[in-house]
Amino acid sequence: MKYLIVGLGNIGPEYQDTRHNIGFTILDAFAKASNVFFADNRYGATATVKLKGKTLVLLKPSTFMNLSGNALRYWMQKENIPIERVLVVVDDLALPFGTLRLKPKGSDAGHNGLKNIQEVLGHNEYARLRFGIGNGYPRGGQVDYVLGRWTDEQQAALPPKVDNAGEIIRSFCLSGVELTMTQYNNK
């Protein structure tokens, strides 16, 4: 049984370690903990993790955030993975820093990556793991905040939050979205 885990972010050194790239950061940590490495492929970098008889295809799209749907659709089709076994890992301004929320479906909430995925798929019926980046920015400063780097305090607090996101990904693949939501969403 195959799963597609898509971490949203933007390629290029100028975006590395920014809030908007938390999807890439989480998948990098997940791959490292699983002792696998990403390889450049069509529409993104991929790595494959084996987990208790399941195959997890990790994808970091190379299409830039606003065209993430093209990469997701390509890898779903290439690997023959149904939408029920797709998980998108994404940053979320509406959640306090480090808060993790798994949802079985939902709106794009103004996130351009999710908006494009919804446009490409024609629906919003896919699971997403939202990682709170907070909203500590002045009026009109949203873009700079999202594309900005973590504060020193946030950077120091990031590793256990990223590890927790990895636990949620494992649980999603092993136990399903509903049980995982029950177990992790109230923490």
C-alpha atoms as a PDB file:
ATOM      1  CA  MET A   1       0.000   0.000   0.000  1.00  0.00           C
ATOM      2  CA  LYS A   2       1.428   3.374  -1.067  1.00  0.00           C
ATOM      3  CA  TYR A   3       1.048   6.832   0.443  1.00  0.00           C
ATOM      4  CA  LEU A   4       2.037  10.199  -0.993  1.00  0.00           C
ATOM      5  CA  ILE A   5       3.314  12.711   1.564  1.00  0.00           C
ATOM      6  CA  VAL A   6       3.733  16.162   0.017  1.00  0.00           C
ATOM      7  CA  GLY A   7       5.629  18.864   1.886  1.00  0.00           C
ATOM      8  CA  LEU A   8       4.915  22.294   0.464  1.00  0.00           C
ATOM      9  CA  GLY A   9       7.667  24.854   0.016  1.00  0.00           C
ATOM     10  CA  ASN A  10       9.665  26.822  -2.512  1.00  0.00           C
ATOM     11  CA  ILE A  11      12.921  25.669  -4.074  1.00  0.00           C
ATOM     12  CA  GLY A  12      16.099  27.716  -3.896  1.00  0.00           C
ATOM     13  CA  PRO A  13      18.492  28.823  -1.157  1.00  0.00           C
ATOM     14  CA  GLU A  14      16.647  32.102  -0.586  1.00  0.00           C
ATOM     15  CA  TYR A  15      13.611  30.156   0.691  1.00  0.00           C
ATOM     16  CA  GLN A  16      15.478  27.559   2.749  1.00  0.00           C
ATOM     17  CA  ASP A  17      14.559  27.609   6.456  1.00  0.00           C
ATOM     18  CA  THR A  18      11.701  30.081   5.960  1.00  0.00           C
ATOM     19  CA  ARG A  19       8.320  29.706   7.613  1.00  0.00           C
ATOM     20  CA  HIS A  20       6.647  29.015   4.260  1.00  0.00           C
ATOM     21  CA  ASN A  21       8.997  26.047   3.729  1.00  0.00           C
ATOM     22  CA  ILE A  22       8.056  24.134   6.878  1.00  0.00           C
ATOM     23  CA  GLY A  23       6.651  21.359   4.662  1.00  0.00           C
ATOM     24  CA  PHE A  24      10.124  20.818   3.179  1.00  0.00           C
ATOM     25  CA  THR A  25      11.710  21.021   6.652  1.00  0.00           C
ATOM     26  CA  ILE A  26       9.377  18.354   8.046  1.00  0.00           C
ATOM     27  CA  LEU A  27       9.966  15.972   5.117  1.00  0.00           C
ATOM     28  CA  ASP A  28      13.734  16.503   5.327  1.00  0.00           C
ATOM     29  CA  ALA A  29      13.660  15.535   9.018  1.00  0.00           C
ATOM     30  CA  PHE A  30      11.359  12.565   8.305  1.00  0.00           C
ATOM     31  CA  ALA A  31      13.684  11.293   5.558  1.00  0.00           C
ATOM     32  CA  LYS A  32      16.761  11.767   7.747  1.00  0.00           C
ATOM     33  CA  ALA A  33      15.131   9.873  10.643  1.00  0.00           C
ATOM     34  CA  SER A  34      14.260   7.087   8.170  1.00  0.00           C
ATOM     35  CA  ASN A  35      17.821   7.071   6.790  1.00  0.00           C
ATOM     36  CA  VAL A  36      16.735   7.834   3.214  1.00  0.00           C
ATOM     37  CA  PHE A  37      17.782  10.594   0.846  1.00  0.00           C
ATOM     38  CA  PHE A  38      15.928  12.727  -1.659  1.00  0.00           C
ATOM     39  CA  ALA A  39      16.671  12.445  -5.367  1.00  0.00           C
ATOM     40  CA  ASP A  40      15.732  15.037  -7.975  1.00  0.00           C
ATOM     41  CA  ASN A  41      12.926  13.770 -10.180  1.00  0.00           C
ATOM     42  CA  ARG A  42      10.239  15.165 -12.413  1.00  0.00           C
ATOM     43  CA  TYR A  43       8.259  17.895 -10.622  1.00  0.00           C
ATOM     44  CA  GLY A  44      10.265  17.566  -7.416  1.00  0.00           C
ATOM     45  CA  ALA A  45      12.609  15.770  -5.093  1.00  0.00           C
ATOM     46  CA  THR A  46      11.380  12.388  -3.878  1.00  0.00           C
ATOM     47  CA  ALA A  47      12.389   9.801  -1.324  1.00  0.00           C
ATOM     48  CA  THR A  48      10.796   6.459  -0.479  1.00  0.00           C
ATOM     49  CA  VAL A  49      10.301   5.218   3.072  1.00  0.00           C
ATOM     50  CA  LYS A  50       9.184   1.707   4.029  1.00  0.00           C
ATOM     51  CA  LEU A  51       6.991   1.609   7.130  1.00  0.00           C
ATOM     52  CA  LYS A  52       5.497  -1.654   8.402  1.00  0.00           C
ATOM     53  CA  GLY A  53       4.653  -3.003   4.950  1.00  0.00           C
ATOM     54  CA  LYS A  54       3.620   0.369   3.569  1.00  0.00           C
ATOM     55  CA  THR A  55       5.503   2.547   1.080  1.00  0.00           C
ATOM     56  CA  LEU A  56       5.604   6.284   1.676  1.00  0.00           C
ATOM     57  CA  VAL A  57       6.579   8.437  -1.280  1.00  0.00           C
ATOM     58  CA  LEU A  58       7.852  11.742   0.092  1.00  0.00           C
ATOM     59  CA  LEU A  59       7.599  14.654  -2.339  1.00  0.00           C
ATOM     60  CA  LYS A  60       9.061  18.160  -2.165  1.00  0.00           C
ATOM     61  CA  PRO A  61       7.639  19.829  -5.305  1.00  0.00           C
ATOM     62  CA  SER A  62      10.030  21.814  -7.487  1.00  0.00           C
ATOM     63  CA  THR A  63       7.149  23.733  -9.075  1.00  0.00           C
ATOM     64  CA  PHE A  64       7.171  26.547  -6.497  1.00  0.00           C
ATOM     65  CA  MET A  65       4.349  26.881  -3.992  1.00  0.00           C
ATOM     66  CA  ASN A  66       1.746  28.389  -6.323  1.00  0.00           C
ATOM     67  CA  LEU A  67       1.926  25.411  -8.732  1.00  0.00           C
ATOM     68  CA  SER A  68       2.113  22.576  -6.179  1.00  0.00           C
ATOM     69  CA  GLY A  69      -0.969  20.883  -7.619  1.00  0.00           C
ATOM     70  CA  ASN A  70       0.853  19.874 -10.802  1.00  0.00           C
ATOM     71  CA  ALA A  71       3.511  17.960  -8.862  1.00  0.00           C
ATOM     72  CA  LEU A  72       0.950  16.339  -6.554  1.00  0.00           C
ATOM     73  CA  ARG A  73      -1.222  15.174  -9.453  1.00  0.00           C
ATOM     74  CA  TYR A  74       1.765  13.855 -11.425  1.00  0.00           C
ATOM     75  CA  TRP A  75       3.055  11.739  -8.519  1.00  0.00           C
ATOM     76  CA  MET A  76      -0.426  10.498  -7.581  1.00  0.00           C
ATOM     77  CA  GLN A  77      -0.847   9.241 -11.144  1.00  0.00           C
ATOM     78  CA  LYS A  78       2.709   7.937 -11.546  1.00  0.00           C
ATOM     79  CA  GLU A  79       2.573   5.942  -8.293  1.00  0.00           C
ATOM     80  CA  ASN A  80      -1.148   5.085  -8.609  1.00  0.00           C
ATOM     81  CA  ILE A  81      -1.969   6.515  -5.175  1.00  0.00           C
ATOM     82  CA  PRO A  82      -5.619   7.359  -4.401  1.00  0.00           C
ATOM     83  CA  ILE A  83      -6.521  10.690  -2.816  1.00  0.00           C
ATOM     84  CA  GLU A  84      -7.382   8.948   0.484  1.00  0.00           C
ATOM     85  CA  ARG A  85      -3.684   8.131   0.906  1.00  0.00           C
ATOM     86  CA  VAL A  86      -2.359  11.625   0.166  1.00  0.00           C
ATOM     87  CA  LEU A  87      -1.208  13.962   2.944  1.00  0.00           C
ATOM     88  CA  VAL A  88      -0.132  17.562   2.303  1.00  0.00           C
ATOM     89  CA  VAL A  89       2.113  19.203   4.914  1.00  0.00           C
ATOM     90  CA  VAL A  90       1.674  22.968   4.929  1.00  0.00           C
ATOM     91  CA  ASP A  91       2.341  26.146   6.933  1.00  0.00           C
ATOM     92  CA  ASP A  92      -0.636  27.906   8.524  1.00  0.00           C
ATOM     93  CA  LEU A  93      -0.805  31.557   9.663  1.00  0.00           C
ATOM     94  CA  ALA A  94      -4.051  31.002  11.582  1.00  0.00           C
ATOM     95  CA  LEU A  95      -2.444  28.609  14.073  1.00  0.00           C
ATOM     96  CA  PRO A  96      -0.065  29.637  16.865  1.00  0.00           C
ATOM     97  CA  PHE A  97       3.584  28.733  16.292  1.00  0.00           C
ATOM     98  CA  GLY A  98       4.201  24.986  16.469  1.00  0.00           C
ATOM     99  CA  THR A  99       0.537  23.967  16.680  1.00  0.00           C
ATOM    100  CA  LEU A 100      -0.185  20.916  14.539  1.00  0.00           C
ATOM    101  CA  ARG A 101      -3.634  20.153  13.118  1.00  0.00           C
ATOM    102  CA  LEU A 102      -4.533  17.227  10.893  1.00  0.00           C
ATOM    103  CA  LYS A 103      -7.646  17.689   8.771  1.00  0.00           C
ATOM    104  CA  PRO A 104      -9.260  15.194   6.375  1.00  0.00           C
ATOM    105  CA  LYS A 105     -10.278  18.035   4.002  1.00  0.00           C
ATOM    106  CA  GLY A 106     -10.943  21.749   4.058  1.00  0.00           C
ATOM    107  CA  SER A 107     -10.618  25.116   2.426  1.00  0.00           C
ATOM    108  CA  ASP A 108      -7.380  26.609   1.172  1.00  0.00           C
ATOM    109  CA  ALA A 109      -7.655  29.326   3.891  1.00  0.00           C
ATOM    110  CA  GLY A 110      -5.906  31.751   1.528  1.00  0.00           C
ATOM    111  CA  HIS A 111      -2.834  29.507   1.117  1.00  0.00           C
ATOM    112  CA  ASN A 112      -1.683  29.658  -2.515  1.00  0.00           C
ATOM    113  CA  GLY A 113      -0.235  26.130  -2.509  1.00  0.00           C
ATOM    114  CA  LEU A 114      -3.507  24.616  -1.262  1.00  0.00           C
ATOM    115  CA  LYS A 115      -5.479  26.849  -3.634  1.00  0.00           C
ATOM    116  CA  ASN A 116      -3.534  25.471  -6.605  1.00  0.00           C
ATOM    117  CA  ILE A 117      -3.915  21.868  -5.427  1.00  0.00           C
ATOM    118  CA  GLN A 118      -7.670  22.402  -5.169  1.00  0.00           C
ATOM    119  CA  GLU A 119      -7.767  23.951  -8.667  1.00  0.00           C
ATOM    120  CA  VAL A 120      -5.774  21.078 -10.192  1.00  0.00           C
ATOM    121  CA  LEU A 121      -7.687  18.302  -8.408  1.00  0.00           C
ATOM    122  CA  GLY A 122     -11.079  19.994  -8.727  1.00  0.00           C
ATOM    123  CA  HIS A 123     -11.870  19.409  -5.028  1.00  0.00           C
ATOM    124  CA  ASN A 124     -10.528  19.859  -1.503  1.00  0.00           C
ATOM    125  CA  GLU A 125     -11.071  16.268  -0.325  1.00  0.00           C
ATOM    126  CA  TYR A 126      -7.489  15.517   0.659  1.00  0.00           C
ATOM    127  CA  ALA A 127      -5.824  15.364   4.070  1.00  0.00           C
ATOM    128  CA  ARG A 128      -3.537  18.130   5.202  1.00  0.00           C
ATOM    129  CA  LEU A 129      -1.261  18.537   8.176  1.00  0.00           C
ATOM    130  CA  ARG A 130      -1.218  22.212   9.098  1.00  0.00           C
ATOM    131  CA  PHE A 131       1.830  23.532  10.988  1.00  0.00           C
ATOM    132  CA  GLY A 132       1.186  26.792  12.806  1.00  0.00           C
ATOM    133  CA  ILE A 133       3.655  29.557  12.019  1.00  0.00           C
ATOM    134  CA  GLY A 134       1.791  32.213  14.012  1.00  0.00           C
ATOM    135  CA  ASN A 135       0.841  35.646  12.771  1.00  0.00           C
ATOM    136  CA  GLY A 136       3.251  37.985  14.523  1.00  0.00           C
ATOM    137  CA  TYR A 137       3.587  40.527  11.751  1.00  0.00           C
ATOM    138  CA  PRO A 138       2.522  44.176  11.336  1.00  0.00           C
ATOM    139  CA  ARG A 139      -0.369  45.153   9.099  1.00  0.00           C
ATOM    140  CA  GLY A 140       0.640  44.616   5.472  1.00  0.00           C
ATOM    141  CA  GLY A 141       3.636  42.487   6.474  1.00  0.00           C
ATOM    142  CA  GLN A 142       2.169  39.036   5.822  1.00  0.00           C
ATOM    143  CA  VAL A 143       4.305  38.179   2.780  1.00  0.00           C
ATOM    144  CA  ASP A 144       7.546  39.228   4.470  1.00  0.00           C
ATOM    145  CA  TYR A 145       6.582  37.267   7.582  1.00  0.00           C
ATOM    146  CA  VAL A 146       5.660  34.072   5.722  1.00  0.00           C
ATOM    147  CA  LEU A 147       8.779  34.209   3.542  1.00  0.00           C
ATOM    148  CA  GLY A 148      10.920  35.274   6.495  1.00  0.00           C
ATOM    149  CA  ARG A 149      13.192  33.129   8.624  1.00  0.00           C
ATOM    150  CA  TRP A 150      12.290  31.831  12.059  1.00  0.00           C
ATOM    151  CA  THR A 151      13.176  33.963  15.070  1.00  0.00           C
ATOM    152  CA  ASP A 152      15.978  32.575  17.260  1.00  0.00           C
ATOM    153  CA  GLU A 153      13.371  31.547  19.828  1.00  0.00           C
ATOM    154  CA  GLN A 154      11.237  29.756  17.220  1.00  0.00           C
ATOM    155  CA  GLN A 155      14.308  28.083  15.690  1.00  0.00           C
ATOM    156  CA  ALA A 156      15.274  26.699  19.108  1.00  0.00           C
ATOM    157  CA  ALA A 157      11.733  25.363  19.686  1.00  0.00           C
ATOM    158  CA  LEU A 158      11.366  23.880  16.186  1.00  0.00           C
ATOM    159  CA  PRO A 159      13.025  20.403  16.452  1.00  0.00           C
ATOM    160  CA  PRO A 160      10.491  18.738  18.801  1.00  0.00           C
ATOM    161  CA  LYS A 161       7.595  20.241  16.828  1.00  0.00           C
ATOM    162  CA  VAL A 162       9.062  18.870  13.584  1.00  0.00           C
ATOM    163  CA  ASP A 163       9.544  15.460  15.246  1.00  0.00           C
ATOM    164  CA  ASN A 164       5.915  15.540  16.382  1.00  0.00           C
ATOM    165  CA  ALA A 165       4.844  16.237  12.789  1.00  0.00           C
ATOM    166  CA  GLY A 166       6.793  13.106  11.775  1.00  0.00           C
ATOM    167  CA  GLU A 167       4.858  11.078  14.364  1.00  0.00           C
ATOM    168  CA  ILE A 168       1.596  12.377  12.885  1.00  0.00           C
ATOM    169  CA  ILE A 169       2.712  11.370   9.365  1.00  0.00           C
ATOM    170  CA  ARG A 170       3.526   7.839  10.598  1.00  0.00           C
ATOM    171  CA  SER A 171       0.203   7.597  12.419  1.00  0.00           C
ATOM    172  CA  PHE A 172      -1.710   8.854   9.366  1.00  0.00           C
ATOM    173  CA  CYS A 173      -0.214   6.023   7.301  1.00  0.00           C
ATOM    174  CA  LEU A 174      -0.576   3.320   9.963  1.00  0.00           C
ATOM    175  CA  SER A 175      -3.835   4.269  11.725  1.00  0.00           C
ATOM    176  CA  GLY A 176      -5.710   6.561   9.327  1.00  0.00           C
ATOM    177  CA  VAL A 177      -6.784  10.165   9.496  1.00  0.00           C
ATOM    178  CA  GLU A 178      -9.599   9.860  12.071  1.00  0.00           C
ATOM    179  CA  LEU A 179      -7.622   7.994  14.744  1.00  0.00           C
ATOM    180  CA  THR A 180      -4.624  10.244  14.189  1.00  0.00           C
ATOM    181  CA  MET A 181      -6.755  13.361  14.574  1.00  0.00           C
ATOM    182  CA  THR A 182      -8.179  12.011  17.837  1.00  0.00           C
ATOM    183  CA  GLN A 183      -4.743  11.198  19.161  1.00  0.00           C
ATOM    184  CA  TYR A 184      -2.847  14.351  18.129  1.00  0.00           C
ATOM    185  CA  ASN A 185      -5.153  17.301  17.429  1.00  0.00           C
ATOM    186  CA  ASN A 186      -5.872  18.073  21.064  1.00  0.00           C
ATOM    187  CA  LYS A 187      -2.238  18.153  22.173  1.00  0.00           C
END
